[in-house]
């Protein structure tokens, strides 16, 4: 008896390895995968410029244009920039833009040496700031009357992402790109409207992959809607994938993109992580610490060429808290 509709995902000819540098940007799937990759001994930048939902905003972010202090929004004595998430908040527009520029600089430097870029599209709906006369990425609690909402056309989004990908390919010819469409439904737009929005994003991703050999699509959206179509795979808001769904999609990602060595390394990490999560009885703390160090030494011996400084820091933090 089949209890789900599954479909094959072709394995990527290019693999993420234990020595890969990965940067993850965009909406929910990019952030979730970035968080999981950060656990491995990889060099990872996860959402360095905050959550980004719209392809046009994402393309603009990838241009690394310095933010203009005159465009900043003020709310109750704090400032935000409409192109960036509320993660960036300062008490003055100048200090805010300086902070963003510093992160833009380090992100661009990392990207120029990266092997993989994960990009996730969240919505086709965008907000136009009638005062600034430009489309923006975040309203930051400004008055609704300031904005106009519209559905971006496939042509507009395609032109923006085409330009961004071509610039990246010229700057970093070896960079591989993974495109995904976020499986999170934007219910505030309305369900029929959300369906149209996601459809445009899916067509956009398909067109970009067909045009660029270095760009691949991972079907996170299709996995959630088809293989995991039951509400037991959602958080209580019935919108966001829960941990079980995230684990499933991560496994599919590994099967599609991970090298054999990285898969083995990931399995070793999960075994060690279970030990780190365990809280032993006070009488067995020293034995627990010794078992963790012994397991870690075995992993080091199995992967002698890997830099395990991340894991060493996690072990030190866990053992210091016991």
Protein backbone atom coordinates (compact mmCIF):
# COMPACT_ATOMS: atom_id res chain seq x y z
CA UNK A 1 0.00 0.00 0.00
CA UNK A 2 1.35 3.40 -1.01
CA UNK A 3 0.69 6.17 1.50
CA UNK A 4 2.30 9.03 -0.40
CA UNK A 5 2.97 10.19 -3.95
CA UNK A 6 6.72 10.11 -4.41
CA UNK A 7 8.75 11.14 -7.41
CA UNK A 8 12.39 10.71 -8.42
CA UNK A 9 14.85 13.59 -8.07
CA UNK A 10 17.86 13.26 -10.40
CA UNK A 11 21.19 13.29 -8.58
CA UNK A 12 23.21 16.40 -9.35
CA UNK A 13 26.37 15.81 -11.42
CA UNK A 14 28.05 18.42 -9.21
CA UNK A 15 28.47 17.63 -5.53
CA UNK A 16 28.76 19.63 -2.33
CA UNK A 17 31.87 18.28 -0.64
CA UNK A 18 33.43 18.59 2.80
CA UNK A 19 35.63 21.40 1.44
CA UNK A 20 32.84 23.41 -0.22
CA UNK A 21 32.06 27.01 0.60
CA UNK A 22 28.29 27.57 0.59
CA UNK A 23 26.21 30.73 0.85
CA UNK A 24 22.45 30.51 1.38
CA UNK A 25 20.09 33.41 0.70
CA UNK A 26 16.40 34.10 0.23
CA UNK A 27 13.35 32.68 1.97
CA UNK A 28 12.68 29.76 4.33
CA UNK A 29 14.24 26.77 2.55
CA UNK A 30 17.55 28.58 2.06
CA UNK A 31 17.64 29.47 5.75
CA UNK A 32 16.76 25.97 6.91
CA UNK A 33 19.35 24.31 4.70
CA UNK A 34 21.94 26.89 5.66
CA UNK A 35 21.34 26.17 9.36
CA UNK A 36 21.85 22.45 8.81
CA UNK A 37 24.96 22.95 6.71
CA UNK A 38 26.40 25.17 9.43
CA UNK A 39 26.53 22.08 11.67
CA UNK A 40 28.99 20.43 9.27
CA UNK A 41 32.68 21.31 8.90
CA UNK A 42 31.90 23.51 5.89
CA UNK A 43 32.42 27.21 5.38
CA UNK A 44 28.85 28.53 5.33
CA UNK A 45 27.20 31.95 5.25
CA UNK A 46 23.52 31.61 6.06
CA UNK A 47 21.22 34.54 5.26
CA UNK A 48 23.98 37.11 5.86
CA UNK A 49 21.73 39.94 4.65
CA UNK A 50 18.54 38.69 6.27
CA UNK A 51 15.43 36.96 4.95
CA UNK A 52 14.53 37.97 1.39
CA UNK A 53 11.21 36.89 -0.15
CA UNK A 54 11.03 38.46 -3.61
CA UNK A 55 13.25 37.58 -6.63
CA UNK A 56 13.65 41.22 -7.66
CA UNK A 57 14.75 42.22 -4.15
CA UNK A 58 17.06 39.21 -4.07
CA UNK A 59 18.60 40.26 -7.39
CA UNK A 60 19.11 43.77 -6.05
CA UNK A 61 20.74 42.41 -2.89
CA UNK A 62 23.14 40.37 -5.04
CA UNK A 63 24.23 43.61 -6.72
CA UNK A 64 25.65 44.73 -3.34
CA UNK A 65 24.64 48.36 -3.92
CA UNK A 66 25.36 50.40 -0.75
CA UNK A 67 22.11 51.43 0.99
CA UNK A 68 21.12 55.08 0.91
CA UNK A 69 20.54 56.62 4.38
CA UNK A 70 17.90 58.90 2.86
CA UNK A 71 15.77 55.85 2.04
CA UNK A 72 15.69 54.54 5.63
CA UNK A 73 12.44 54.26 7.56
CA UNK A 74 12.10 55.55 11.12
CA UNK A 75 9.83 53.85 13.65
CA UNK A 76 9.74 54.86 17.32
CA UNK A 77 13.30 56.15 17.27
CA UNK A 78 14.83 53.25 15.34
CA UNK A 79 15.78 52.96 11.68
CA UNK A 80 15.42 50.19 9.10
CA UNK A 81 16.13 50.03 5.38
CA UNK A 82 13.34 48.93 2.98
CA UNK A 83 15.66 46.60 1.03
CA UNK A 84 16.68 44.67 4.15
CA UNK A 85 15.03 42.75 6.97
CA UNK A 86 14.30 44.07 10.47
CA UNK A 87 17.35 42.15 11.62
CA UNK A 88 19.20 45.34 10.75
CA UNK A 89 18.00 48.01 13.20
CA UNK A 90 19.95 51.02 14.45
CA UNK A 91 19.29 54.28 16.26
CA UNK A 92 20.42 56.33 13.24
CA UNK A 93 20.19 55.94 9.49
CA UNK A 94 23.93 56.45 9.02
CA UNK A 95 24.93 53.76 11.53
CA UNK A 96 22.37 51.39 10.01
CA UNK A 97 23.77 51.82 6.51
CA UNK A 98 27.32 51.47 7.78
CA UNK A 99 26.41 48.14 9.43
CA UNK A 100 24.76 46.88 6.25
CA UNK A 101 27.72 47.96 4.09
CA UNK A 102 30.13 46.09 6.33
CA UNK A 103 28.11 42.90 5.99
CA UNK A 104 27.73 43.47 2.24
CA UNK A 105 31.52 43.67 2.01
CA UNK A 106 32.18 40.44 3.91
CA UNK A 107 29.35 38.65 2.06
CA UNK A 108 30.66 39.70 -1.35
CA UNK A 109 34.17 38.61 -0.38
CA UNK A 110 32.85 35.21 0.73
CA UNK A 111 30.70 34.84 -2.39
CA UNK A 112 33.66 35.48 -4.69
CA UNK A 113 35.32 32.35 -3.27
CA UNK A 114 32.15 30.28 -2.85
CA UNK A 115 31.39 27.00 -4.62
CA UNK A 116 27.62 26.96 -4.10
CA UNK A 117 24.85 29.54 -3.80
CA UNK A 118 21.41 28.45 -2.56
CA UNK A 119 18.59 30.85 -3.52
CA UNK A 120 14.96 30.47 -2.47
CA UNK A 121 12.08 32.47 -3.93
CA UNK A 122 9.22 33.16 -1.49
CA UNK A 123 6.57 35.26 -3.25
CA UNK A 124 5.81 37.11 -6.47
CA UNK A 125 3.90 39.83 -4.60
CA UNK A 126 5.82 43.01 -3.94
CA UNK A 127 5.23 46.40 -2.33
CA UNK A 128 5.91 49.69 -4.07
CA UNK A 129 6.87 52.66 -1.89
CA UNK A 130 5.05 55.64 -3.38
CA UNK A 131 7.27 58.11 -1.48
CA UNK A 132 10.58 56.57 -2.59
CA UNK A 133 9.15 55.65 -6.00
CA UNK A 134 10.65 52.14 -5.89
CA UNK A 135 9.72 48.55 -5.11
CA UNK A 136 10.92 47.53 -1.66
CA UNK A 137 11.58 44.33 0.27
CA UNK A 138 10.16 45.19 3.70
CA UNK A 139 7.54 47.71 4.88
CA UNK A 140 8.94 47.92 8.45
CA UNK A 141 5.65 48.98 10.10
CA UNK A 142 5.23 52.08 7.94
CA UNK A 143 1.72 53.33 7.16
CA UNK A 144 -0.21 51.16 4.70
CA UNK A 145 -1.15 54.26 2.70
CA UNK A 146 2.52 54.64 1.73
CA UNK A 147 2.55 51.43 -0.32
CA UNK A 148 0.92 49.80 -3.30
CA UNK A 149 0.88 46.00 -3.57
CA UNK A 150 1.08 44.21 -6.91
CA UNK A 151 2.01 40.91 -8.47
CA UNK A 152 5.31 41.20 -10.32
CA UNK A 153 5.26 39.89 -13.86
CA UNK A 154 7.32 36.91 -14.99
CA UNK A 155 9.16 39.24 -17.37
CA UNK A 156 10.14 41.66 -14.59
CA UNK A 157 11.38 38.93 -12.27
CA UNK A 158 13.13 37.15 -15.12
CA UNK A 159 15.00 40.25 -16.22
CA UNK A 160 16.17 40.96 -12.65
CA UNK A 161 17.34 37.43 -11.93
CA UNK A 162 18.90 37.04 -15.39
CA UNK A 163 21.01 40.11 -14.76
CA UNK A 164 22.08 38.89 -11.32
CA UNK A 165 22.99 35.39 -12.50
CA UNK A 166 24.92 36.66 -15.52
CA UNK A 167 26.95 39.04 -13.33
CA UNK A 168 27.69 36.24 -10.88
CA UNK A 169 28.71 33.87 -13.67
CA UNK A 170 31.10 36.49 -15.07
CA UNK A 171 32.55 37.23 -11.65
CA UNK A 172 32.63 33.62 -10.38
CA UNK A 173 32.53 31.17 -13.32
CA UNK A 174 32.88 28.11 -11.07
CA UNK A 175 29.91 29.02 -8.84
CA UNK A 176 27.01 26.53 -8.85
CA UNK A 177 23.50 27.77 -8.03
CA UNK A 178 20.62 25.83 -6.46
CA UNK A 179 17.19 27.42 -6.97
CA UNK A 180 14.16 26.50 -4.87
CA UNK A 181 10.65 27.80 -4.36
CA UNK A 182 9.58 28.15 -0.73
CA UNK A 183 6.86 25.66 0.26
CA UNK A 184 5.49 28.15 2.83
CA UNK A 185 2.12 29.44 1.67
CA UNK A 186 1.59 33.19 1.97
CA UNK A 187 -1.98 32.87 3.22
CA UNK A 188 -2.36 36.60 3.95
CA UNK A 189 -2.38 37.19 0.21
CA UNK A 190 -5.29 34.75 -0.17
CA UNK A 191 -5.08 31.12 -1.24
CA UNK A 192 -5.93 31.63 -4.94
CA UNK A 193 -3.49 34.56 -5.04
CA UNK A 194 -0.79 32.49 -3.35
CA UNK A 195 -1.25 29.78 -5.99
CA UNK A 196 -0.69 32.31 -8.77
CA UNK A 197 2.33 33.74 -6.96
CA UNK A 198 3.98 30.35 -6.49
CA UNK A 199 3.20 29.36 -10.08
CA UNK A 200 5.08 32.39 -11.38
CA UNK A 201 8.07 31.57 -9.17
CA UNK A 202 8.12 27.98 -10.39
CA UNK A 203 8.03 29.03 -14.03
CA UNK A 204 10.78 31.58 -13.31
CA UNK A 205 13.01 28.93 -11.72
CA UNK A 206 12.38 26.55 -14.64
CA UNK A 207 13.31 29.20 -17.22
CA UNK A 208 16.51 30.14 -15.37
CA UNK A 209 17.62 26.50 -15.04
CA UNK A 210 17.01 25.80 -18.72
CA UNK A 211 19.04 28.83 -19.75
CA UNK A 212 22.01 28.38 -17.38
CA UNK A 213 23.93 25.12 -17.06
CA UNK A 214 25.35 26.12 -13.68
CA UNK A 215 21.85 26.63 -12.21
CA UNK A 216 19.89 23.65 -10.85
CA UNK A 217 16.41 23.34 -9.36
CA UNK A 218 15.63 21.46 -6.16
CA UNK A 219 11.89 20.64 -5.77
CA UNK A 220 11.33 21.61 -2.12
CA UNK A 221 7.95 23.09 -3.11
CA UNK A 222 6.86 19.90 -4.88
CA UNK A 223 8.08 17.67 -2.04
CA UNK A 224 5.94 19.56 0.45
CA UNK A 225 2.84 19.66 -1.75
CA UNK A 226 3.00 16.11 -3.11
CA UNK A 227 5.09 13.79 -0.94
CA UNK A 228 4.24 15.54 2.34
CA UNK A 229 0.70 16.65 1.63
CA UNK A 230 -0.62 15.70 5.09
CA UNK A 231 -1.03 18.36 7.81
CA UNK A 232 1.02 16.25 10.22
CA UNK A 233 4.04 17.67 8.38
CA UNK A 234 3.11 21.28 9.28
CA UNK A 235 3.61 23.45 12.32
CA UNK A 236 0.52 24.43 14.32
CA UNK A 237 0.01 27.45 12.04
CA UNK A 238 -0.68 24.98 9.20
CA UNK A 239 1.66 27.00 7.00
CA UNK A 240 5.28 26.23 7.88
CA UNK A 241 6.87 22.78 7.44
CA UNK A 242 7.64 21.22 10.83
CA UNK A 243 10.86 19.49 11.86
CA UNK A 244 9.74 16.14 10.42
CA UNK A 245 9.18 17.75 7.03
CA UNK A 246 12.44 19.66 7.24
CA UNK A 247 14.31 16.46 8.09
CA UNK A 248 12.74 14.74 5.07
CA UNK A 249 13.67 17.56 2.69
CA UNK A 250 17.19 17.67 4.10
CA UNK A 251 17.55 13.94 3.42
CA UNK A 252 16.41 14.53 -0.18
CA UNK A 253 18.89 17.38 -0.49
CA UNK A 254 21.70 15.12 0.72
CA UNK A 255 20.75 12.42 -1.77
CA UNK A 256 20.73 14.96 -4.59
CA UNK A 257 23.77 17.12 -3.87
CA UNK A 258 26.08 15.62 -1.21
CA UNK A 259 29.26 13.75 -2.06
CA UNK A 260 29.68 10.29 -0.52
CA UNK A 261 32.22 11.66 1.96
CA UNK A 262 29.91 14.50 3.03
CA UNK A 263 27.04 12.05 3.52
CA UNK A 264 29.28 9.93 5.76
CA UNK A 265 30.38 13.05 7.61
CA UNK A 266 26.77 14.12 8.14
CA UNK A 267 25.90 10.69 9.57
CA UNK A 268 28.87 10.94 11.94
CA UNK A 269 27.73 14.40 13.04
CA UNK A 270 24.20 13.21 13.85
CA UNK A 271 25.61 10.43 16.00
CA UNK A 272 27.80 12.88 17.88
CA UNK A 273 24.99 15.46 18.12
CA UNK A 274 22.75 12.93 19.88
CA UNK A 275 25.48 12.43 22.45
CA UNK A 276 25.88 16.20 22.89
CA UNK A 277 22.13 16.63 23.39
CA UNK A 278 22.06 13.97 26.11
CA UNK A 279 22.09 15.17 29.71
CA UNK A 280 23.63 12.41 31.85
CA UNK A 281 22.93 11.60 35.48
CA UNK A 282 25.31 13.57 37.75
CA UNK A 283 27.11 10.35 38.67
CA UNK A 284 27.90 9.66 35.00
CA UNK A 285 29.03 13.09 33.79
CA UNK A 286 32.73 12.21 33.58
CA UNK A 287 31.97 8.96 31.75
CA UNK A 288 29.72 10.90 29.35
CA UNK A 289 32.48 13.42 28.65
CA UNK A 290 34.98 10.63 28.02
CA UNK A 291 32.59 8.87 25.63
CA UNK A 292 32.09 12.07 23.64
CA UNK A 293 35.82 12.68 23.32
CA UNK A 294 36.37 9.06 22.32
CA UNK A 295 33.67 9.29 19.62
CA UNK A 296 35.14 12.55 18.36
CA UNK A 297 38.63 11.03 18.13
CA UNK A 298 37.21 8.17 16.03
CA UNK A 299 35.62 10.66 13.65
CA UNK A 300 38.87 12.64 13.38
CA UNK A 301 40.66 9.42 12.51
CA UNK A 302 38.05 8.56 9.89
CA UNK A 303 38.30 11.99 8.22
CA UNK A 304 41.92 13.14 8.74
CA UNK A 305 41.75 15.95 6.15
CA UNK A 306 38.78 17.74 7.73
CA UNK A 307 38.97 20.82 9.94
CA UNK A 308 36.79 19.97 12.95
CA UNK A 309 37.20 23.27 14.81
CA UNK A 310 33.41 23.84 14.69
CA UNK A 311 32.74 20.54 16.40
CA UNK A 312 35.51 21.09 18.93
CA UNK A 313 33.84 24.35 19.93
CA UNK A 314 30.45 22.63 20.31
CA UNK A 315 31.97 19.86 22.43
CA UNK A 316 33.78 22.38 24.62
CA UNK A 317 30.56 24.38 25.13
CA UNK A 318 28.53 21.27 25.98
CA UNK A 319 31.05 19.88 28.40
CA UNK A 320 31.45 23.27 30.04
CA UNK A 321 27.70 23.38 30.71
CA UNK A 322 27.57 19.98 32.46
